[in-house]
Amino acid sequence: QVQLVESGGGLAQTGGSLTLSCAASGFDVRFAAMGWYRQRPGRGREMVAVLGTEGSATYINAVKGRFTISRDNAKNTLNLQMDNLRPDDTGVYYCSGRDTWGQGTRVTVSS
């Protein structure tokens, strides 16, 4: 059974950092294209960053240079390192892969 479980969300100050982690079960993250998405208050869900099986990463302009998506093959997780956070990054962050979504983890950035 394919399952994704996110963790690592919480409260951060502007300019601070958080690391999100997505634990995958039922498949090997090395062999799946995966991504992080977010839903900010009053807005629809949007792609934040995706990572292809060959290692290529794509980011939305708003997070380029601040967020880094990566895999931890040993732990079978997908991670999102978020630096220099802004209040506009506040929202619920979801992990997706193999046509499956996690339950989301909430990120709140205070000004």
PDB file of N, CA and C in Angstrom:
ATOM      1  N   GLN A   1       0.846  -1.188   0.000  1.00  0.00           N
ATOM      2  CA  GLN A   1       0.000   0.000   0.000  1.00  0.00           C
ATOM      3  C   GLN A   1       0.885   1.244   0.000  1.00  0.00           C
ATOM      4  N   VAL A   2       0.647   2.122  -0.960  1.00  0.00           N
ATOM      5  CA  VAL A   2       1.429   3.351  -1.061  1.00  0.00           C
ATOM      6  C   VAL A   2       0.915   4.367  -0.048  1.00  0.00           C
ATOM      7  N   GLN A   3       1.827   4.925   0.717  1.00  0.00           N
ATOM      8  CA  GLN A   3       1.448   5.909   1.721  1.00  0.00           C
ATOM      9  C   GLN A   3       2.541   6.954   1.865  1.00  0.00           C
ATOM     10  N   LEU A   4       2.124   8.194   2.093  1.00  0.00           N
ATOM     11  CA  LEU A   4       3.052   9.297   2.319  1.00  0.00           C
ATOM     12  C   LEU A   4       2.655  10.003   3.602  1.00  0.00           C
ATOM     13  N   VAL A   5       3.640  10.273   4.454  1.00  0.00           N
ATOM     14  CA  VAL A   5       3.370  10.945   5.716  1.00  0.00           C
ATOM     15  C   VAL A   5       4.351  12.094   5.888  1.00  0.00           C
ATOM     16  N   GLU A   6       3.819  13.320   5.939  1.00  0.00           N
ATOM     17  CA  GLU A   6       4.664  14.495   6.094  1.00  0.00           C
ATOM     18  C   GLU A   6       4.894  14.822   7.556  1.00  0.00           C
ATOM     19  N   SER A   7       6.017  15.462   7.818  1.00  0.00           N
ATOM     20  CA  SER A   7       6.328  15.949   9.158  1.00  0.00           C
ATOM     21  C   SER A   7       7.264  17.141   9.035  1.00  0.00           C
ATOM     22  N   GLY A   8       7.450  17.841  10.141  1.00  0.00           N
ATOM     23  CA  GLY A   8       8.411  18.929  10.160  1.00  0.00           C
ATOM     24  C   GLY A   8       7.836  20.325  10.097  1.00  0.00           C
ATOM     25  N   GLY A   9       6.542  20.434   9.916  1.00  0.00           N
ATOM     26  CA  GLY A   9       5.940  21.760   9.887  1.00  0.00           C
ATOM     27  C   GLY A   9       5.931  22.384  11.266  1.00  0.00           C
ATOM     28  N   GLY A  10       5.542  23.632  11.328  1.00  0.00           N
ATOM     29  CA  GLY A  10       5.485  24.322  12.603  1.00  0.00           C
ATOM     30  C   GLY A  10       5.530  25.807  12.417  1.00  0.00           C
ATOM     31  N   LEU A  11       5.939  26.485  13.472  1.00  0.00           N
ATOM     32  CA  LEU A  11       5.997  27.948  13.476  1.00  0.00           C
ATOM     33  C   LEU A  11       7.434  28.408  13.308  1.00  0.00           C
ATOM     34  N   ALA A  12       7.643  29.370  12.432  1.00  0.00           N
ATOM     35  CA  ALA A  12       8.964  29.953  12.224  1.00  0.00           C
ATOM     36  C   ALA A  12       8.824  31.461  12.103  1.00  0.00           C
ATOM     37  N   GLN A  13       9.881  32.148  12.369  1.00  0.00           N
ATOM     38  CA  GLN A  13       9.897  33.596  12.192  1.00  0.00           C
ATOM     39  C   GLN A  13      10.374  33.937  10.790  1.00  0.00           C
ATOM     40  N   THR A  14      10.059  35.108  10.334  1.00  0.00           N
ATOM     41  CA  THR A  14      10.564  35.573   9.040  1.00  0.00           C
ATOM     42  C   THR A  14      12.085  35.485   9.036  1.00  0.00           C
ATOM     43  N   GLY A  15      12.596  34.874   7.974  1.00  0.00           N
ATOM     44  CA  GLY A  15      14.032  34.674   7.865  1.00  0.00           C
ATOM     45  C   GLY A  15      14.518  33.367   8.443  1.00  0.00           C
ATOM     46  N   GLY A  16      13.634  32.640   9.102  1.00  0.00           N
ATOM     47  CA  GLY A  16      14.007  31.384   9.717  1.00  0.00           C
ATOM     48  C   GLY A  16      13.954  30.217   8.747  1.00  0.00           C
ATOM     49  N   SER A  17      14.158  29.022   9.297  1.00  0.00           N
ATOM     50  CA  SER A  17      14.224  27.813   8.472  1.00  0.00           C
ATOM     51  C   SER A  17      13.375  26.701   9.066  1.00  0.00           C
ATOM     52  N   LEU A  18      12.891  25.853   8.205  1.00  0.00           N
ATOM     53  CA  LEU A  18      12.221  24.616   8.585  1.00  0.00           C
ATOM     54  C   LEU A  18      12.598  23.550   7.575  1.00  0.00           C
ATOM     55  N   THR A  19      12.606  22.309   8.026  1.00  0.00           N
ATOM     56  CA  THR A  19      12.839  21.183   7.121  1.00  0.00           C
ATOM     57  C   THR A  19      11.641  20.257   7.167  1.00  0.00           C
ATOM     58  N   LEU A  20      11.004  20.087   6.033  1.00  0.00           N
ATOM     59  CA  LEU A  20       9.887  19.159   5.926  1.00  0.00           C
ATOM     60  C   LEU A  20      10.393  17.802   5.446  1.00  0.00           C
ATOM     61  N   SER A  21       9.768  16.757   5.924  1.00  0.00           N
ATOM     62  CA  SER A  21      10.126  15.411   5.515  1.00  0.00           C
ATOM     63  C   SER A  21       8.861  14.645   5.145  1.00  0.00           C
ATOM     64  N   CYS A  22       8.970  13.817   4.132  1.00  0.00           N
ATOM     65  CA  CYS A  22       7.853  13.005   3.668  1.00  0.00           C
ATOM     66  C   CYS A  22       8.312  11.557   3.648  1.00  0.00           C
ATOM     67  N   ALA A  23       7.797  10.760   4.570  1.00  0.00           N
ATOM     68  CA  ALA A  23       8.157   9.357   4.645  1.00  0.00           C
ATOM     69  C   ALA A  23       7.265   8.545   3.722  1.00  0.00           C
ATOM     70  N   ALA A  24       7.899   7.809   2.825  1.00  0.00           N
ATOM     71  CA  ALA A  24       7.149   7.011   1.862  1.00  0.00           C
ATOM     72  C   ALA A  24       7.171   5.541   2.258  1.00  0.00           C
ATOM     73  N   SER A  25       6.065   4.869   2.034  1.00  0.00           N
ATOM     74  CA  SER A  25       6.000   3.427   2.224  1.00  0.00           C
ATOM     75  C   SER A  25       5.252   2.816   1.050  1.00  0.00           C
ATOM     76  N   GLY A  26       5.627   1.595   0.710  1.00  0.00           N
ATOM     77  CA  GLY A  26       4.991   0.915  -0.410  1.00  0.00           C
ATOM     78  C   GLY A  26       5.686   1.116  -1.740  1.00  0.00           C
ATOM     79  N   PHE A  27       6.698   1.964  -1.780  1.00  0.00           N
ATOM     80  CA  PHE A  27       7.488   2.156  -2.986  1.00  0.00           C
ATOM     81  C   PHE A  27       8.814   2.793  -2.616  1.00  0.00           C
ATOM     82  N   ASP A  28       9.754   2.752  -3.554  1.00  0.00           N
ATOM     83  CA  ASP A  28      11.088   3.310  -3.356  1.00  0.00           C
ATOM     84  C   ASP A  28      11.125   4.709  -3.962  1.00  0.00           C
ATOM     85  N   VAL A  29      11.444   5.704  -3.160  1.00  0.00           N
ATOM     86  CA  VAL A  29      11.421   7.086  -3.651  1.00  0.00           C
ATOM     87  C   VAL A  29      12.450   7.326  -4.757  1.00  0.00           C
ATOM     88  N   ARG A  30      13.459   6.466  -4.847  1.00  0.00           N
ATOM     89  CA  ARG A  30      14.474   6.648  -5.892  1.00  0.00           C
ATOM     90  C   ARG A  30      13.869   6.496  -7.284  1.00  0.00           C
ATOM     91  N   PHE A  31      12.786   5.751  -7.379  1.00  0.00           N
ATOM     92  CA  PHE A  31      12.238   5.403  -8.683  1.00  0.00           C
ATOM     93  C   PHE A  31      10.906   6.081  -8.962  1.00  0.00           C
ATOM     94  N   ALA A  32      10.651   7.191  -8.281  1.00  0.00           N
ATOM     95  CA  ALA A  32       9.390   7.913  -8.488  1.00  0.00           C
ATOM     96  C   ALA A  32       9.645   9.405  -8.561  1.00  0.00           C
ATOM     97  N   ALA A  33       9.009  10.066  -9.514  1.00  0.00           N
ATOM     98  CA  ALA A  33       9.002  11.519  -9.519  1.00  0.00           C
ATOM     99  C   ALA A  33       8.104  11.985  -8.382  1.00  0.00           C
ATOM    100  N   MET A  34       8.601  12.933  -7.590  1.00  0.00           N
ATOM    101  CA  MET A  34       7.849  13.351  -6.421  1.00  0.00           C
ATOM    102  C   MET A  34       7.909  14.863  -6.280  1.00  0.00           C
ATOM    103  N   GLY A  35       7.008  15.398  -5.475  1.00  0.00           N
ATOM    104  CA  GLY A  35       6.999  16.839  -5.329  1.00  0.00           C
ATOM    105  C   GLY A  35       6.390  17.325  -4.040  1.00  0.00           C
ATOM    106  N   TRP A  36       6.630  18.569  -3.767  1.00  0.00           N
ATOM    107  CA  TRP A  36       6.017  19.284  -2.657  1.00  0.00           C
ATOM    108  C   TRP A  36       5.064  20.339  -3.223  1.00  0.00           C
ATOM    109  N   TYR A  37       3.903  20.418  -2.607  1.00  0.00           N
ATOM    110  CA  TYR A  37       2.879  21.371  -3.004  1.00  0.00           C
ATOM    111  C   TYR A  37       2.425  22.101  -1.744  1.00  0.00           C
ATOM    112  N   ARG A  38       1.770  23.227  -1.956  1.00  0.00           N
ATOM    113  CA  ARG A  38       1.257  23.934  -0.790  1.00  0.00           C
ATOM    114  C   ARG A  38      -0.081  24.592  -1.113  1.00  0.00           C
ATOM    115  N   GLN A  39      -0.839  24.786  -0.056  1.00  0.00           N
ATOM    116  CA  GLN A  39      -2.080  25.534  -0.180  1.00  0.00           C
ATOM    117  C   GLN A  39      -2.040  26.648   0.837  1.00  0.00           C
ATOM    118  N   ARG A  40      -1.918  27.842   0.342  1.00  0.00           N
ATOM    119  CA  ARG A  40      -1.862  29.014   1.212  1.00  0.00           C
ATOM    120  C   ARG A  40      -3.277  29.500   1.500  1.00  0.00           C
ATOM    121  N   PRO A  41      -3.494  30.219   2.588  1.00  0.00           N
ATOM    122  CA  PRO A  41      -4.842  30.667   2.959  1.00  0.00           C
ATOM    123  C   PRO A  41      -5.537  31.409   1.822  1.00  0.00           C
ATOM    124  N   GLY A  42      -6.723  30.965   1.487  1.00  0.00           N
ATOM    125  CA  GLY A  42      -7.522  31.625   0.466  1.00  0.00           C
ATOM    126  C   GLY A  42      -7.090  31.345  -0.959  1.00  0.00           C
ATOM    127  N   ARG A  43      -6.149  30.411  -1.141  1.00  0.00           N
ATOM    128  CA  ARG A  43      -5.655  30.132  -2.486  1.00  0.00           C
ATOM    129  C   ARG A  43      -5.743  28.649  -2.783  1.00  0.00           C
ATOM    130  N   GLY A  44      -5.612  28.308  -4.050  1.00  0.00           N
ATOM    131  CA  GLY A  44      -5.622  26.910  -4.451  1.00  0.00           C
ATOM    132  C   GLY A  44      -4.271  26.256  -4.215  1.00  0.00           C
ATOM    133  N   ARG A  45      -4.245  24.945  -4.353  1.00  0.00           N
ATOM    134  CA  ARG A  45      -2.993  24.212  -4.175  1.00  0.00           C
ATOM    135  C   ARG A  45      -2.058  24.518  -5.339  1.00  0.00           C
ATOM    136  N   GLU A  46      -0.782  24.709  -5.027  1.00  0.00           N
ATOM    137  CA  GLU A  46       0.209  25.017  -6.057  1.00  0.00           C
ATOM    138  C   GLU A  46       1.456  24.169  -5.874  1.00  0.00           C
ATOM    139  N   MET A  47       2.121  23.907  -6.983  1.00  0.00           N
ATOM    140  CA  MET A  47       3.378  23.178  -6.926  1.00  0.00           C
ATOM    141  C   MET A  47       4.451  24.088  -6.340  1.00  0.00           C
ATOM    142  N   VAL A  48       5.259  23.560  -5.455  1.00  0.00           N
ATOM    143  CA  VAL A  48       6.387  24.293  -4.881  1.00  0.00           C
ATOM    144  C   VAL A  48       7.690  23.812  -5.511  1.00  0.00           C
ATOM    145  N   ALA A  49       7.893  22.512  -5.517  1.00  0.00           N
ATOM    146  CA  ALA A  49       9.113  21.940  -6.073  1.00  0.00           C
ATOM    147  C   ALA A  49       8.852  20.489  -6.441  1.00  0.00           C
ATOM    148  N   VAL A  50       9.435  20.052  -7.543  1.00  0.00           N
ATOM    149  CA  VAL A  50       9.331  18.654  -7.952  1.00  0.00           C
ATOM    150  C   VAL A  50      10.725  18.132  -8.234  1.00  0.00           C
ATOM    151  N   LEU A  51      10.887  16.825  -8.023  1.00  0.00           N
ATOM    152  CA  LEU A  51      12.182  16.166  -8.215  1.00  0.00           C
ATOM    153  C   LEU A  51      11.986  14.945  -9.082  1.00  0.00           C
ATOM    154  N   GLY A  52      12.666  14.940 -10.222  1.00  0.00           N
ATOM    155  CA  GLY A  52      12.562  13.814 -11.135  1.00  0.00           C
ATOM    156  C   GLY A  52      13.421  12.648 -10.680  1.00  0.00           C
ATOM    157  N   THR A  53      13.188  11.515 -11.292  1.00  0.00           N
ATOM    158  CA  THR A  53      13.945  10.321 -10.916  1.00  0.00           C
ATOM    159  C   THR A  53      15.425  10.453 -11.250  1.00  0.00           C
ATOM    160  N   GLU A  54      15.742  11.286 -12.232  1.00  0.00           N
ATOM    161  CA  GLU A  54      17.144  11.479 -12.600  1.00  0.00           C
ATOM    162  C   GLU A  54      17.820  12.533 -11.748  1.00  0.00           C
ATOM    163  N   GLY A  55      17.061  13.157 -10.835  1.00  0.00           N
ATOM    164  CA  GLY A  55      17.656  14.114  -9.917  1.00  0.00           C
ATOM    165  C   GLY A  55      17.441  15.571 -10.266  1.00  0.00           C
ATOM    166  N   SER A  56      16.753  15.828 -11.369  1.00  0.00           N
ATOM    167  CA  SER A  56      16.524  17.227 -11.750  1.00  0.00           C
ATOM    168  C   SER A  56      15.399  17.825 -10.911  1.00  0.00           C
ATOM    169  N   ALA A  57      15.599  19.052 -10.455  1.00  0.00           N
ATOM    170  CA  ALA A  57      14.628  19.723  -9.599  1.00  0.00           C
ATOM    171  C   ALA A  57      14.059  20.957 -10.293  1.00  0.00           C
ATOM    172  N   THR A  58      12.779  21.192 -10.070  1.00  0.00           N
ATOM    173  CA  THR A  58      12.109  22.371 -10.599  1.00  0.00           C
ATOM    174  C   THR A  58      11.405  23.083  -9.458  1.00  0.00           C
ATOM    175  N   TYR A  59      11.528  24.401  -9.414  1.00  0.00           N
ATOM    176  CA  TYR A  59      10.948  25.203  -8.337  1.00  0.00           C
ATOM    177  C   TYR A  59      10.078  26.315  -8.927  1.00  0.00           C
ATOM    178  N   ILE A  60       9.087  26.714  -8.176  1.00  0.00           N
ATOM    179  CA  ILE A  60       8.380  27.923  -8.582  1.00  0.00           C
ATOM    180  C   ILE A  60       9.286  29.112  -8.272  1.00  0.00           C
ATOM    181  N   ASN A  61       9.091  30.198  -9.006  1.00  0.00           N
ATOM    182  CA  ASN A  61       9.975  31.355  -8.860  1.00  0.00           C
ATOM    183  C   ASN A  61      10.007  31.894  -7.429  1.00  0.00           C
ATOM    184  N   ALA A  62       8.886  31.809  -6.750  1.00  0.00           N
ATOM    185  CA  ALA A  62       8.789  32.409  -5.417  1.00  0.00           C
ATOM    186  C   ALA A  62       9.714  31.767  -4.394  1.00  0.00           C
ATOM    187  N   VAL A  63      10.155  30.533  -4.653  1.00  0.00           N
ATOM    188  CA  VAL A  63      10.994  29.840  -3.668  1.00  0.00           C
ATOM    189  C   VAL A  63      12.405  29.557  -4.174  1.00  0.00           C
ATOM    190  N   LYS A  64      12.690  29.889  -5.415  1.00  0.00           N
ATOM    191  CA  LYS A  64      14.030  29.638  -5.957  1.00  0.00           C
ATOM    192  C   LYS A  64      15.093  30.335  -5.121  1.00  0.00           C
ATOM    193  N   GLY A  65      16.128  29.586  -4.798  1.00  0.00           N
ATOM    194  CA  GLY A  65      17.207  30.142  -3.994  1.00  0.00           C
ATOM    195  C   GLY A  65      16.951  30.083  -2.497  1.00  0.00           C
ATOM    196  N   ARG A  66      15.735  29.711  -2.108  1.00  0.00           N
ATOM    197  CA  ARG A  66      15.410  29.627  -0.672  1.00  0.00           C
ATOM    198  C   ARG A  66      15.052  28.199  -0.249  1.00  0.00           C
ATOM    199  N   PHE A  67      14.426  27.445  -1.134  1.00  0.00           N
ATOM    200  CA  PHE A  67      14.008  26.078  -0.815  1.00  0.00           C
ATOM    201  C   PHE A  67      14.858  25.082  -1.605  1.00  0.00           C
ATOM    202  N   THR A  68      15.087  23.909  -1.005  1.00  0.00           N
ATOM    203  CA  THR A  68      15.821  22.842  -1.684  1.00  0.00           C
ATOM    204  C   THR A  68      15.095  21.523  -1.480  1.00  0.00           C
ATOM    205  N   ILE A  69      14.777  20.863  -2.577  1.00  0.00           N
ATOM    206  CA  ILE A  69      14.117  19.555  -2.517  1.00  0.00           C
ATOM    207  C   ILE A  69      15.172  18.466  -2.686  1.00  0.00           C
ATOM    208  N   SER A  70      15.024  17.372  -1.940  1.00  0.00           N
ATOM    209  CA  SER A  70      16.020  16.308  -2.021  1.00  0.00           C
ATOM    210  C   SER A  70      15.414  14.994  -1.557  1.00  0.00           C
ATOM    211  N   ARG A  71      16.097  13.928  -1.891  1.00  0.00           N
ATOM    212  CA  ARG A  71      15.716  12.598  -1.402  1.00  0.00           C
ATOM    213  C   ARG A  71      16.729  12.131  -0.369  1.00  0.00           C
ATOM    214  N   ASP A  72      16.261  11.349   0.588  1.00  0.00           N
ATOM    215  CA  ASP A  72      17.134  10.608   1.483  1.00  0.00           C
ATOM    216  C   ASP A  72      16.850   9.137   1.200  1.00  0.00           C
ATOM    217  N   ASN A  73      17.679   8.538   0.384  1.00  0.00           N
ATOM    218  CA  ASN A  73      17.421   7.168  -0.045  1.00  0.00           C
ATOM    219  C   ASN A  73      17.465   6.177   1.113  1.00  0.00           C
ATOM    220  N   ALA A  74      18.344   6.414   2.056  1.00  0.00           N
ATOM    221  CA  ALA A  74      18.478   5.500   3.194  1.00  0.00           C
ATOM    222  C   ALA A  74      17.207   5.477   4.035  1.00  0.00           C
ATOM    223  N   LYS A  75      16.562   6.655   4.156  1.00  0.00           N
ATOM    224  CA  LYS A  75      15.349   6.744   4.973  1.00  0.00           C
ATOM    225  C   LYS A  75      14.080   6.624   4.132  1.00  0.00           C
ATOM    226  N   ASN A  76      14.238   6.586   2.811  1.00  0.00           N
ATOM    227  CA  ASN A  76      13.108   6.544   1.890  1.00  0.00           C
ATOM    228  C   ASN A  76      12.173   7.732   2.101  1.00  0.00           C
ATOM    229  N   THR A  77      12.790   8.912   2.151  1.00  0.00           N
ATOM    230  CA  THR A  77      12.014  10.129   2.364  1.00  0.00           C
ATOM    231  C   THR A  77      12.314  11.163   1.281  1.00  0.00           C
ATOM    232  N   LEU A  78      11.361  12.068   1.115  1.00  0.00           N
ATOM    233  CA  LEU A  78      11.520  13.251   0.291  1.00  0.00           C
ATOM    234  C   LEU A  78      11.550  14.436   1.245  1.00  0.00           C
ATOM    235  N   ASN A  79      12.531  15.309   1.093  1.00  0.00           N
ATOM    236  CA  ASN A  79      12.686  16.411   2.029  1.00  0.00           C
ATOM    237  C   ASN A  79      12.550  17.758   1.327  1.00  0.00           C
ATOM    238  N   LEU A  80      12.223  18.776   2.112  1.00  0.00           N
ATOM    239  CA  LEU A  80      12.183  20.138   1.596  1.00  0.00           C
ATOM    240  C   LEU A  80      12.830  21.039   2.642  1.00  0.00           C
ATOM    241  N   GLN A  81      14.011  21.520   2.345  1.00  0.00           N
ATOM    242  CA  GLN A  81      14.697  22.465   3.211  1.00  0.00           C
ATOM    243  C   GLN A  81      14.216  23.861   2.839  1.00  0.00           C
ATOM    244  N   MET A  82      13.655  24.559   3.802  1.00  0.00           N
ATOM    245  CA  MET A  82      13.088  25.876   3.553  1.00  0.00           C
ATOM    246  C   MET A  82      13.855  26.907   4.372  1.00  0.00           C
ATOM    247  N   ASP A  83      14.564  27.774   3.698  1.00  0.00           N
ATOM    248  CA  ASP A  83      15.357  28.825   4.349  1.00  0.00           C
ATOM    249  C   ASP A  83      14.798  30.192   3.997  1.00  0.00           C
ATOM    250  N   ASN A  84      15.207  31.176   4.801  1.00  0.00           N
ATOM    251  CA  ASN A  84      14.779  32.555   4.576  1.00  0.00           C
ATOM    252  C   ASN A  84      13.260  32.630   4.377  1.00  0.00           C
ATOM    253  N   LEU A  85      12.555  32.019   5.286  1.00  0.00           N
ATOM    254  CA  LEU A  85      11.095  31.951   5.184  1.00  0.00           C
ATOM    255  C   LEU A  85      10.455  33.326   5.258  1.00  0.00           C
ATOM    256  N   ARG A  86       9.326  33.441   4.572  1.00  0.00           N
ATOM    257  CA  ARG A  86       8.559  34.683   4.530  1.00  0.00           C
ATOM    258  C   ARG A  86       7.130  34.412   4.993  1.00  0.00           C
ATOM    259  N   PRO A  87       6.429  35.401   5.483  1.00  0.00           N
ATOM    260  CA  PRO A  87       5.031  35.187   5.888  1.00  0.00           C
ATOM    261  C   PRO A  87       4.181  34.612   4.751  1.00  0.00           C
ATOM    262  N   ASP A  88       4.508  34.955   3.523  1.00  0.00           N
ATOM    263  CA  ASP A  88       3.750  34.462   2.371  1.00  0.00           C
ATOM    264  C   ASP A  88       3.984  32.971   2.125  1.00  0.00           C
ATOM    265  N   ASP A  89       4.905  32.353   2.833  1.00  0.00           N
ATOM    266  CA  ASP A  89       5.115  30.900   2.726  1.00  0.00           C
ATOM    267  C   ASP A  89       4.153  30.135   3.630  1.00  0.00           C
ATOM    268  N   THR A  90       3.398  30.831   4.432  1.00  0.00           N
ATOM    269  CA  THR A  90       2.451  30.190   5.339  1.00  0.00           C
ATOM    270  C   THR A  90       1.424  29.384   4.563  1.00  0.00           C
ATOM    271  N   GLY A  91       1.187  28.155   5.028  1.00  0.00           N
ATOM    272  CA  GLY A  91       0.200  27.308   4.375  1.00  0.00           C
ATOM    273  C   GLY A  91       0.358  25.869   4.810  1.00  0.00           C
ATOM    274  N   VAL A  92      -0.403  25.003   4.167  1.00  0.00           N
ATOM    275  CA  VAL A  92      -0.286  23.570   4.409  1.00  0.00           C
ATOM    276  C   VAL A  92       0.517  22.976   3.257  1.00  0.00           C
ATOM    277  N   TYR A  93       1.543  22.226   3.600  1.00  0.00           N
ATOM    278  CA  TYR A  93       2.447  21.653   2.607  1.00  0.00           C
ATOM    279  C   TYR A  93       2.173  20.166   2.469  1.00  0.00           C
ATOM    280  N   TYR A  94       2.057  19.743   1.221  1.00  0.00           N
ATOM    281  CA  TYR A  94       1.741  18.358   0.906  1.00  0.00           C
ATOM    282  C   TYR A  94       2.848  17.732   0.073  1.00  0.00           C
ATOM    283  N   CYS A  95       3.049  16.461   0.302  1.00  0.00           N
ATOM    284  CA  CYS A  95       3.970  15.660  -0.481  1.00  0.00           C
ATOM    285  C   CYS A  95       3.138  14.806  -1.438  1.00  0.00           C
ATOM    286  N   SER A  96       3.655  14.596  -2.637  1.00  0.00           N
ATOM    287  CA  SER A  96       2.943  13.780  -3.606  1.00  0.00           C
ATOM    288  C   SER A  96       3.908  12.918  -4.396  1.00  0.00           C
ATOM    289  N   GLY A  97       3.453  11.708  -4.709  1.00  0.00           N
ATOM    290  CA  GLY A  97       4.223  10.786  -5.532  1.00  0.00           C
ATOM    291  C   GLY A  97       3.403   9.540  -5.781  1.00  0.00           C
ATOM    292  N   ARG A  98       3.612   8.918  -6.912  1.00  0.00           N
ATOM    293  CA  ARG A  98       2.869   7.704  -7.269  1.00  0.00           C
ATOM    294  C   ARG A  98       1.353   7.900  -7.127  1.00  0.00           C
ATOM    295  N   ASP A  99       0.879   9.043  -7.594  1.00  0.00           N
ATOM    296  CA  ASP A  99      -0.558   9.359  -7.587  1.00  0.00           C
ATOM    297  C   ASP A  99      -1.141   9.356  -6.177  1.00  0.00           C
ATOM    298  N   THR A 100      -0.313   9.598  -5.208  1.00  0.00           N
ATOM    299  CA  THR A 100      -0.741   9.589  -3.811  1.00  0.00           C
ATOM    300  C   THR A 100      -0.361  10.907  -3.154  1.00  0.00           C
ATOM    301  N   TRP A 101      -1.192  11.356  -2.221  1.00  0.00           N
ATOM    302  CA  TRP A 101      -0.932  12.576  -1.467  1.00  0.00           C
ATOM    303  C   TRP A 101      -0.846  12.258   0.020  1.00  0.00           C
ATOM    304  N   GLY A 102       0.032  12.998   0.704  1.00  0.00           N
ATOM    305  CA  GLY A 102       0.056  12.899   2.147  1.00  0.00           C
ATOM    306  C   GLY A 102      -1.057  13.740   2.747  1.00  0.00           C
ATOM    307  N   GLN A 103      -1.105  13.756   4.074  1.00  0.00           N
ATOM    308  CA  GLN A 103      -2.169  14.471   4.759  1.00  0.00           C
ATOM    309  C   GLN A 103      -1.841  15.949   4.944  1.00  0.00           C
ATOM    310  N   GLY A 104      -0.599  16.314   4.719  1.00  0.00           N
ATOM    311  CA  GLY A 104      -0.187  17.709   4.830  1.00  0.00           C
ATOM    312  C   GLY A 104       0.409  18.047   6.181  1.00  0.00           C
ATOM    313  N   THR A 105       1.276  19.035   6.182  1.00  0.00           N
ATOM    314  CA  THR A 105       1.858  19.555   7.411  1.00  0.00           C
ATOM    315  C   THR A 105       1.808  21.086   7.338  1.00  0.00           C
ATOM    316  N   ARG A 106       1.391  21.699   8.430  1.00  0.00           N
ATOM    317  CA  ARG A 106       1.147  23.137   8.422  1.00  0.00           C
ATOM    318  C   ARG A 106       2.412  23.916   8.747  1.00  0.00           C
ATOM    319  N   VAL A 107       2.648  24.952   7.947  1.00  0.00           N
ATOM    320  CA  VAL A 107       3.777  25.865   8.158  1.00  0.00           C
ATOM    321  C   VAL A 107       3.214  27.269   8.389  1.00  0.00           C
ATOM    322  N   THR A 108       3.643  27.878   9.476  1.00  0.00           N
ATOM    323  CA  THR A 108       3.227  29.244   9.772  1.00  0.00           C
ATOM    324  C   THR A 108       4.469  30.094   9.977  1.00  0.00           C
ATOM    325  N   VAL A 109       4.555  31.171   9.220  1.00  0.00           N
ATOM    326  CA  VAL A 109       5.698  32.067   9.318  1.00  0.00           C
ATOM    327  C   VAL A 109       5.210  33.411   9.835  1.00  0.00           C
ATOM    328  N   SER A 110       5.737  33.796  10.981  1.00  0.00           N
ATOM    329  CA  SER A 110       5.315  35.059  11.594  1.00  0.00           C
ATOM    330  C   SER A 110       6.214  36.198  11.135  1.00  0.00           C
ATOM    331  N   SER A 111       5.624  37.371  11.072  1.00  0.00           N
ATOM    332  CA  SER A 111       6.397  38.546  10.626  1.00  0.00           C
ATOM    333  C   SER A 111       7.042  39.261  11.797  1.00  0.00           C
TER     334      SER A 111
END
